[in-house]
Protein backbone atom coordinates (compact mmCIF):
# COMPACT_ATOMS: atom_id res chain seq x y z
CA MET A 1 45.09 -42.52 -130.84
CA ARG A 2 44.50 -46.16 -130.05
CA SER A 3 45.36 -47.74 -126.73
CA GLY A 4 48.39 -50.04 -126.56
CA LEU A 5 48.43 -53.50 -124.95
CA GLY A 6 51.62 -54.07 -122.99
CA ILE A 7 54.49 -52.32 -121.21
CA LEU A 8 58.17 -52.80 -120.48
CA GLY A 9 59.85 -56.07 -119.43
CA ARG A 10 63.39 -57.14 -118.60
CA PHE A 11 66.29 -54.90 -119.63
CA GLY A 12 69.26 -56.35 -121.50
CA PHE A 13 72.19 -53.96 -121.64
CA ALA A 14 73.41 -53.62 -125.21
CA ALA A 15 77.02 -52.79 -124.60
CA ALA A 16 79.58 -50.11 -124.54
CA LEU A 17 77.57 -47.14 -125.81
CA GLY A 18 74.89 -46.96 -123.12
CA LEU A 19 72.09 -48.26 -125.35
CA THR A 20 69.77 -50.90 -123.91
CA ALA A 21 67.35 -53.15 -125.72
CA LEU A 22 64.56 -55.15 -124.07
CA ALA A 23 64.96 -58.83 -124.85
CA PRO A 24 62.44 -61.72 -124.80
CA ALA A 25 62.05 -63.17 -121.30
CA GLN A 26 63.27 -66.55 -122.50
CA ALA A 27 66.29 -65.16 -124.29
CA GLN A 28 69.71 -64.99 -122.69
CA THR A 29 70.79 -61.42 -121.97
CA ALA A 30 74.27 -59.97 -121.70
CA ASN A 31 75.43 -57.30 -119.31
CA PHE A 32 78.18 -54.89 -120.24
CA GLU A 33 79.95 -52.09 -118.41
CA SER A 34 79.32 -48.95 -120.40
CA ALA A 35 82.16 -46.52 -120.87
CA PHE A 36 79.62 -44.23 -122.51
CA ASP A 37 77.50 -44.17 -119.35
CA ARG A 38 80.47 -43.63 -117.07
CA THR A 39 81.69 -40.62 -119.03
CA PHE A 40 78.25 -39.00 -119.49
CA GLY A 41 78.20 -39.89 -123.17
CA THR A 42 80.73 -37.25 -124.14
CA GLU A 43 83.56 -39.37 -125.56
CA PRO A 44 83.83 -39.55 -129.37
CA ARG A 45 82.92 -43.02 -130.61
CA ALA A 46 84.34 -44.78 -133.65
CA PRO A 47 81.61 -45.63 -136.18
CA GLN A 48 82.91 -49.14 -136.75
CA THR A 49 82.14 -50.14 -133.16
CA PHE A 50 78.38 -49.89 -133.79
CA ASP A 51 78.30 -52.88 -136.14
CA ALA A 52 80.18 -55.02 -133.64
CA VAL A 53 77.96 -54.14 -130.68
CA TYR A 54 74.38 -54.03 -131.98
CA GLU A 55 72.50 -56.90 -133.52
CA SER A 56 69.92 -54.82 -135.40
CA SER A 57 70.28 -51.91 -137.79
CA PHE A 58 67.62 -50.15 -135.67
CA GLU A 59 69.83 -50.19 -132.59
CA ARG A 60 72.89 -49.14 -134.56
CA GLN A 61 71.08 -46.21 -136.14
CA LEU A 62 69.69 -45.01 -132.81
CA ALA A 63 73.12 -45.16 -131.17
CA LYS A 64 74.59 -43.10 -133.99
CA VAL A 65 72.00 -40.33 -134.01
CA ALA A 66 72.07 -40.12 -130.20
CA ASP A 67 75.85 -39.75 -130.09
CA GLY A 68 76.81 -37.56 -127.14
CA ASP A 69 80.14 -36.14 -128.27
CA GLN A 70 78.87 -32.56 -127.88
CA GLY A 71 76.72 -33.02 -124.79
CA ARG A 72 74.81 -35.71 -122.94
CA ILE A 73 71.84 -37.23 -124.76
CA GLY A 74 69.26 -39.49 -123.11
CA VAL A 75 66.64 -41.52 -124.95
CA SER A 76 64.05 -44.10 -123.97
CA ALA A 77 61.31 -45.65 -126.11
CA ILE A 78 58.79 -48.39 -125.36
CA ASP A 79 56.53 -50.28 -127.76
CA LEU A 80 53.29 -50.49 -125.75
CA THR A 81 52.11 -53.54 -127.69
CA THR A 82 55.20 -55.72 -127.50
CA GLY A 83 57.09 -54.31 -124.54
CA TYR A 84 60.23 -53.87 -126.64
CA GLN A 85 62.37 -51.01 -125.31
CA VAL A 86 65.51 -49.24 -126.43
CA SER A 87 67.40 -46.55 -124.56
CA VAL A 88 70.54 -44.45 -124.57
CA LEU A 89 71.57 -43.32 -121.08
CA GLY A 90 68.06 -44.29 -120.08
CA ASP A 91 68.93 -44.59 -116.39
CA GLN A 92 70.85 -41.30 -116.16
CA ARG A 93 69.24 -38.14 -114.76
CA PHE A 94 68.46 -35.19 -117.05
CA PRO A 95 66.80 -31.82 -116.33
CA MET A 96 63.07 -32.23 -116.97
CA ALA A 97 62.35 -28.57 -117.69
CA SER A 98 58.70 -28.36 -118.80
CA THR A 99 58.32 -32.10 -119.42
CA SER A 100 57.64 -32.28 -115.66
CA LYS A 101 54.29 -30.64 -116.43
CA VAL A 102 52.94 -34.02 -117.55
CA ALA A 103 53.47 -35.37 -114.02
CA ILE A 104 51.95 -32.25 -112.47
CA ALA A 105 48.89 -32.57 -114.72
CA ALA A 106 48.56 -36.26 -113.85
CA THR A 107 48.70 -35.48 -110.12
CA PHE A 108 45.97 -32.88 -110.50
CA LEU A 109 43.77 -35.18 -112.61
CA ALA A 110 44.16 -37.96 -110.05
CA GLY A 111 42.73 -35.49 -107.53
CA VAL A 112 39.82 -34.81 -109.89
CA ASP A 113 39.14 -38.56 -110.05
CA GLN A 114 39.14 -38.63 -106.24
CA GLY A 115 36.64 -35.75 -106.06
CA ARG A 116 39.08 -33.33 -104.38
CA TRP A 117 38.43 -30.69 -107.08
CA SER A 118 36.93 -30.54 -110.56
CA LEU A 119 37.89 -29.37 -114.02
CA THR A 120 35.46 -26.48 -113.62
CA SER A 121 37.04 -25.30 -110.35
CA GLU A 122 38.70 -21.90 -110.83
CA PHE A 123 42.20 -21.02 -109.65
CA PRO A 124 44.39 -17.93 -110.20
CA LEU A 125 47.36 -17.79 -112.52
CA LEU A 126 50.60 -17.39 -110.54
CA ILE A 127 52.65 -14.73 -112.31
CA PRO A 128 56.36 -14.27 -111.48
CA VAL A 129 57.45 -11.05 -109.80
CA LYS A 130 60.89 -9.81 -110.84
CA SER A 131 63.65 -10.92 -108.48
CA GLY A 132 67.39 -11.57 -108.67
CA LYS A 133 68.76 -15.00 -109.48
CA TYR A 134 69.24 -17.18 -106.39
CA SER A 135 67.99 -14.28 -104.23
CA SER A 136 65.48 -16.48 -102.41
CA PRO A 137 64.70 -20.19 -102.08
CA ARG A 138 61.44 -19.56 -103.93
CA ALA A 139 60.79 -16.93 -106.59
CA PRO A 140 58.02 -14.48 -105.67
CA VAL A 141 54.75 -14.66 -107.62
CA ARG A 142 51.46 -12.77 -107.63
CA GLU A 143 47.96 -13.99 -108.32
CA GLY A 144 46.49 -13.18 -111.71
CA THR A 145 43.26 -14.00 -113.52
CA TYR A 146 41.16 -16.90 -112.25
CA LEU A 147 40.65 -19.60 -114.87
CA PRO A 148 38.86 -22.99 -114.88
CA ALA A 149 41.19 -25.87 -114.09
CA GLU A 150 40.67 -27.50 -117.48
CA GLN A 151 41.80 -24.31 -119.22
CA LEU A 152 44.81 -24.04 -116.92
CA LEU A 153 45.75 -27.65 -117.70
CA ASN A 154 45.39 -27.16 -121.45
CA LEU A 155 47.53 -24.02 -121.31
CA MET A 156 50.26 -25.67 -119.24
CA ILE A 157 50.55 -28.62 -121.64
CA SER A 158 49.71 -27.34 -125.12
CA LYS A 159 51.23 -23.84 -124.66
CA SER A 160 53.65 -24.69 -121.82
CA SER A 161 52.28 -21.82 -119.70
CA ASN A 162 54.39 -21.49 -116.56
CA ALA A 163 51.81 -19.34 -114.74
CA SER A 164 49.16 -22.01 -115.35
CA THR A 165 51.51 -24.76 -114.21
CA ASP A 166 52.36 -23.08 -110.92
CA ALA A 167 48.66 -22.47 -110.34
CA LEU A 168 47.88 -26.20 -110.48
CA LEU A 169 51.12 -27.10 -108.71
CA ARG A 170 49.99 -25.01 -105.73
CA VAL A 171 46.57 -26.68 -105.80
CA VAL A 172 47.97 -30.21 -105.57
CA GLY A 173 50.32 -29.30 -102.71
CA GLY A 174 53.60 -28.39 -104.38
CA PRO A 175 56.50 -30.49 -105.70
CA GLN A 176 56.36 -32.93 -102.78
CA ALA A 177 52.79 -33.92 -103.72
CA VAL A 178 53.84 -34.65 -107.30
CA ASN A 179 56.80 -36.70 -106.10
CA ALA A 180 54.50 -38.66 -103.80
CA TRP A 181 52.07 -39.40 -106.65
CA MET A 182 54.95 -40.59 -108.85
CA ARG A 183 56.20 -42.91 -106.09
CA ARG A 184 52.71 -44.37 -105.71
CA ALA A 185 52.74 -44.97 -109.46
CA GLY A 186 55.97 -46.93 -109.01
CA ILE A 187 58.26 -44.35 -110.63
CA ASP A 188 61.30 -43.55 -108.49
CA ASP A 189 63.84 -41.84 -110.76
CA PHE A 190 61.96 -38.55 -110.71
CA GLU A 191 62.35 -35.51 -108.46
CA LEU A 192 60.47 -32.23 -108.71
CA SER A 193 62.24 -29.76 -106.42
CA ARG A 194 61.01 -26.25 -107.30
CA ASP A 195 58.04 -24.48 -108.81
CA ILE A 196 58.44 -23.33 -112.41
CA ALA A 197 58.91 -19.66 -111.52
CA THR A 198 61.95 -20.53 -109.39
CA LEU A 199 63.30 -23.04 -111.90
CA VAL A 200 63.20 -20.49 -114.72
CA ARG A 201 64.59 -17.62 -112.62
CA ASP A 202 67.58 -19.68 -111.47
CA ASP A 203 68.22 -21.42 -114.80
CA GLY A 204 71.90 -21.67 -115.78
CA GLU A 205 73.36 -22.52 -112.38
CA VAL A 206 74.54 -25.93 -113.64
CA ASP A 207 75.67 -26.98 -117.13
CA PRO A 208 73.61 -30.13 -117.83
CA ALA A 209 75.97 -31.20 -120.63
CA THR A 210 78.76 -31.96 -118.17
CA ARG A 211 77.14 -32.26 -114.76
CA ILE A 212 74.14 -34.09 -113.32
CA ASP A 213 71.92 -32.06 -110.99
CA ASN A 214 69.27 -34.26 -109.35
CA ARG A 215 67.01 -31.28 -108.68
CA ASP A 216 64.02 -31.17 -111.04
CA SER A 217 65.36 -34.17 -112.92
CA ALA A 218 64.26 -37.59 -114.14
CA THR A 219 65.64 -40.43 -116.19
CA PRO A 220 64.37 -40.98 -119.75
CA ASN A 221 63.24 -44.45 -118.66
CA ALA A 222 61.14 -42.96 -115.87
CA MET A 223 59.44 -40.48 -118.20
CA ALA A 224 58.77 -43.12 -120.84
CA LYS A 225 57.25 -45.32 -118.14
CA LEU A 226 55.07 -42.40 -117.00
CA LEU A 227 53.80 -41.82 -120.54
CA ALA A 228 53.15 -45.51 -121.09
CA GLY A 229 51.11 -45.85 -117.91
CA LEU A 230 49.11 -42.69 -118.57
CA TYR A 231 48.36 -43.69 -122.15
CA GLN A 232 47.24 -47.16 -121.07
CA GLY A 233 44.98 -45.80 -118.33
CA LYS A 234 46.87 -47.31 -115.39
CA TRP A 235 46.43 -44.40 -112.97
CA LEU A 236 43.67 -42.12 -114.25
CA SER A 237 40.05 -42.52 -115.22
CA ARG A 238 39.31 -42.73 -118.94
CA SER A 239 37.98 -39.17 -118.99
CA SER A 240 41.01 -37.75 -117.16
CA ARG A 241 43.38 -39.72 -119.34
CA ASP A 242 41.67 -38.32 -122.44
CA VAL A 243 41.96 -34.75 -121.13
CA LEU A 244 45.72 -35.12 -120.68
CA ILE A 245 46.42 -36.95 -123.94
CA GLY A 246 44.18 -34.47 -125.77
CA ALA A 247 46.17 -31.54 -124.41
CA MET A 248 49.40 -33.24 -125.53
CA GLU A 249 47.96 -33.76 -129.01
CA ASN A 250 47.36 -30.00 -129.18
CA THR A 251 50.91 -29.01 -128.19
CA THR A 252 52.14 -26.08 -130.28
CA THR A 253 55.66 -25.72 -128.82
CA GLY A 254 58.74 -27.45 -130.25
CA LYS A 255 57.67 -27.39 -133.88
CA ARG A 256 61.15 -28.49 -134.98
CA ARG A 257 61.35 -31.44 -132.59
CA ILE A 258 59.36 -34.71 -132.56
CA ARG A 259 56.41 -33.43 -134.54
CA SER A 260 58.56 -32.15 -137.43
CA ALA A 261 60.15 -35.57 -137.93
CA LEU A 262 57.05 -37.76 -138.10
CA PRO A 263 54.17 -37.98 -140.57
CA MET A 264 50.71 -36.69 -139.67
CA SER A 265 49.51 -40.30 -139.54
CA ALA A 266 51.72 -40.88 -136.48
CA ASN A 267 49.17 -38.95 -134.35
CA VAL A 268 51.82 -37.38 -132.14
CA ALA A 269 50.91 -36.33 -128.59
CA HIS A 270 53.85 -34.71 -126.82
CA LYS A 271 55.27 -32.21 -124.31
CA THR A 272 58.42 -30.19 -124.78
CA GLY A 273 60.92 -28.77 -122.32
CA THR A 274 63.59 -26.07 -122.74
CA LEU A 275 66.21 -24.59 -120.43
CA ASN A 276 69.71 -23.20 -120.74
CA ARG A 277 71.83 -25.62 -122.83
CA MET A 278 69.13 -28.29 -122.97
CA ALA A 279 66.00 -29.24 -124.89
CA SER A 280 63.63 -32.16 -124.51
CA ASP A 281 60.51 -33.70 -125.95
CA ILE A 282 58.47 -36.61 -124.61
CA GLY A 283 55.35 -38.16 -126.07
CA ILE A 284 53.48 -40.92 -127.87
CA PHE A 285 53.36 -41.73 -131.57
CA GLU A 286 51.76 -44.50 -133.61
CA THR A 287 53.44 -46.81 -136.09
CA PRO A 288 51.72 -47.47 -139.45
CA ASP A 289 50.24 -50.72 -138.06
CA GLY A 290 48.71 -48.86 -135.09
CA ARG A 291 51.16 -49.66 -132.28
CA ALA A 292 51.65 -46.86 -129.74
CA ILE A 293 55.26 -45.96 -128.86
CA ALA A 294 56.15 -43.93 -125.76
CA ILE A 295 59.35 -41.90 -126.17
CA ALA A 296 61.43 -39.54 -124.04
CA ILE A 297 64.32 -37.56 -125.55
CA TYR A 298 66.66 -35.25 -123.59
CA VAL A 299 69.46 -33.35 -125.36
CA THR A 300 72.07 -31.13 -123.72
CA GLY A 301 74.97 -29.07 -125.07
CA GLN A 302 75.51 -29.51 -128.82
CA SER A 303 78.20 -26.87 -129.04
CA LEU A 304 81.94 -27.28 -128.76
CA SER A 305 81.96 -25.48 -125.40
CA SER A 306 79.78 -23.32 -123.22
CA ASP A 307 81.76 -20.26 -124.35
CA HIS A 308 81.10 -21.14 -127.98
CA GLU A 309 77.40 -21.57 -127.30
CA ALA A 310 77.21 -18.24 -125.52
CA MET A 311 78.40 -16.62 -128.74
CA ASN A 312 75.81 -18.44 -130.87
CA LYS A 313 72.84 -19.50 -128.77
CA ARG A 314 70.47 -19.64 -131.71
CA GLU A 315 72.66 -22.13 -133.56
CA ALA A 316 73.02 -24.30 -130.45
CA ARG A 317 69.24 -24.32 -129.97
CA ARG A 318 68.81 -25.31 -133.61
CA LYS A 319 71.24 -28.20 -133.19
CA ARG A 320 69.42 -29.48 -130.10
CA ASP A 321 66.08 -29.38 -131.92
CA GLU A 322 67.65 -31.10 -134.90
CA ARG A 323 69.05 -33.86 -132.69
CA ILE A 324 65.63 -34.47 -131.16
CA ALA A 325 64.02 -34.62 -134.60
CA ASN A 326 66.66 -37.03 -135.92
CA ILE A 327 66.30 -39.31 -132.89
CA ALA A 328 62.50 -39.27 -133.19
CA ARG A 329 62.77 -40.16 -136.88
CA ALA A 330 65.14 -43.04 -136.11
CA LEU A 331 62.72 -44.33 -133.47
CA TYR A 332 59.76 -44.07 -135.80
CA ASN A 333 61.56 -45.86 -138.64
CA GLY A 334 62.97 -48.51 -136.33
CA PHE A 335 59.73 -49.37 -134.58
CA SER A 336 57.75 -49.15 -137.82
CA SER A 337 60.02 -51.71 -139.47
CA GLN A 338 59.44 -54.24 -136.69
CA SER A 339 56.56 -56.68 -136.71
CA ALA A 340 54.58 -57.00 -133.49
CA ARG A 341 56.45 -59.37 -131.17
CA ASN A 342 54.61 -61.37 -128.56
CA TRP A 343 57.16 -61.08 -125.79
CA VAL A 344 56.23 -62.21 -122.32
CA ASN A 345 56.14 -59.42 -119.75
CA ALA A 346 57.13 -60.82 -116.39
CA GLU A 347 57.26 -57.60 -114.37
CA TYR A 348 54.44 -55.35 -115.57
CA LYS A 349 50.79 -56.08 -116.24
CA THR A 350 48.81 -55.03 -119.27
CA GLY A 351 47.15 -51.64 -119.01
CA GLY A 352 43.52 -50.80 -119.77
């Protein structure tokens, strides 16, 4: 994948459905109160309102496919060449699930760059020990096989290995160390609260389709910003950046999500996340003219009710995957149809 040139800019809020579009710095922007945002994106929306609100067919199509009438949906996407950004509920918190592993990997690789440990250092897998839900603040684990750090990192990203993730999370100093690294990177709307063993054991305590739980959550905008900065080499050495992006290119989970919707030429690098009543996928793809696009998609619910979903979990999972794929396709088509725009970036500097 080729490196992009720019990142972010000034947000203009594109009206009553919670979708935002980044406007040129010299252009006048409008601010709207979003009923969609205030009601968690769950109110049915009349199709005719899209044409009145959005200037471009790209924005209208994205708002339609990210409709949240059966559960909250959050989307953020940034063109790393132009700085153009669109989002749906981009500033609202969603459960990260395993997409948090990108931040954990980045924190570890930053330590490698500082000489605190190396990719050849060996650490033990941390394997969950059976325990009752909510029975302890932290789920018990036991040490397993020792593996080189680079193998642990590849497993946690490409295979979404929880035991590998908790191994590296312990090395860096736990969730608080990851949060501290993210704050130093200038990303605030992110909070890792538990290790993965505890997160998985206690999954289901809160329904993310109807309630926001700030634990282990982030906004789509925050995750898109993280991806953009990592891809552009803002926080890691070139070699560490390549290790992380390479692992994301080799991801084998979520075959029906982003990767299924885009052509092979898009060179997708991504990381999935899955918990009870939610699915997510974040990553980078390339447009036909070589621009890199950072995207973060979080989908909750997608059944008429939690009782209905309990009766047909497989169908609900299929619908969440399908939503992610449809949103990814809309983003790919929308960004691919745009010519590169030389918009001034007043707030963020160009990455390496």
